[in-house]
Amino acid sequence: MKITKDMLIIDIINKYEKTIPMFMAFGMGCVGCLAAKGESVEQAAAVHGIDVDFLIEKLNEVAE
């Protein structure tokens, strides 16, 4: 399964624990954030001013 920008952060980190350091590297403390339960990668990237396509690319690299 490929990570997409509409996926919830909590679902990604639960399925692909290897993505946690990548989220942190982008300055996203998503692991402990309550918003992770209802926020998509696209929404979180917008809040943090991150290029969502680049983030998705990097998340998929580590999730393999």
Protein backbone atom coordinates (compact mmCIF):
# COMPACT_ATOMS: atom_id res chain seq x y z
CA MET A 1 0.00 0.00 0.00
CA LYS A 2 1.32 3.37 -0.97
CA ILE A 3 1.10 6.39 1.35
CA THR A 4 -1.07 9.15 -0.09
CA LYS A 5 -1.68 12.73 0.96
CA ASP A 6 -5.27 12.04 2.01
CA MET A 7 -4.27 9.37 4.55
CA LEU A 8 -4.54 10.19 8.24
CA ILE A 9 -1.22 10.59 10.00
CA ILE A 10 -2.20 8.20 12.78
CA ASP A 11 -2.95 5.46 10.23
CA ILE A 12 0.44 5.96 8.59
CA ILE A 13 2.48 5.85 11.78
CA ASN A 14 0.53 2.85 13.06
CA LYS A 15 1.13 0.88 9.85
CA TYR A 16 4.60 2.19 9.00
CA GLU A 17 6.52 2.93 12.19
CA LYS A 18 9.62 3.66 10.10
CA THR A 19 7.94 6.92 9.00
CA ILE A 20 8.08 8.43 12.48
CA PRO A 21 11.66 9.72 12.16
CA MET A 22 10.80 11.17 8.74
CA PHE A 23 7.86 13.12 10.14
CA MET A 24 10.18 14.37 12.89
CA ALA A 25 12.87 15.34 10.36
CA PHE A 26 10.32 17.59 8.68
CA GLY A 27 9.60 19.25 12.03
CA MET A 28 6.27 17.53 12.43
CA GLY A 29 5.74 16.23 15.96
CA CYS A 30 2.91 14.10 14.64
CA VAL A 31 3.71 11.11 16.77
CA GLY A 32 2.36 12.64 19.95
CA CYS A 33 -0.01 15.19 18.46
CA LEU A 34 -3.73 14.78 19.06
CA ALA A 35 -4.43 16.26 15.63
CA ALA A 36 -2.76 13.20 14.07
CA LYS A 37 -5.92 11.23 14.74
CA GLY A 38 -7.99 13.39 12.42
CA GLU A 39 -5.50 15.21 10.24
CA SER A 40 -4.37 14.08 6.81
CA VAL A 41 -0.79 14.38 5.62
CA GLU A 42 -1.92 17.14 3.25
CA GLN A 43 -3.53 19.14 6.06
CA ALA A 44 -0.51 18.75 8.33
CA ALA A 45 1.90 19.70 5.56
CA ALA A 46 -0.11 22.87 4.88
CA VAL A 47 -0.02 23.84 8.57
CA HIS A 48 3.75 23.32 8.67
CA GLY A 49 4.47 24.95 5.30
CA ILE A 50 5.83 21.75 3.79
CA ASP A 51 5.59 20.63 0.16
CA VAL A 52 3.18 17.70 0.50
CA ASP A 53 4.37 15.93 -2.65
CA PHE A 54 7.98 15.95 -1.44
CA LEU A 55 6.90 14.74 2.00
CA ILE A 56 4.85 11.89 0.49
CA GLU A 57 7.81 10.89 -1.67
CA LYS A 58 10.09 10.69 1.37
CA LEU A 59 7.51 8.86 3.50
CA ASN A 60 7.05 6.23 0.81
CA GLU A 61 10.82 5.77 0.54
CA VAL A 62 11.10 4.82 4.22
CA ALA A 63 7.85 2.84 4.32
CA GLU A 64 9.08 0.30 1.75
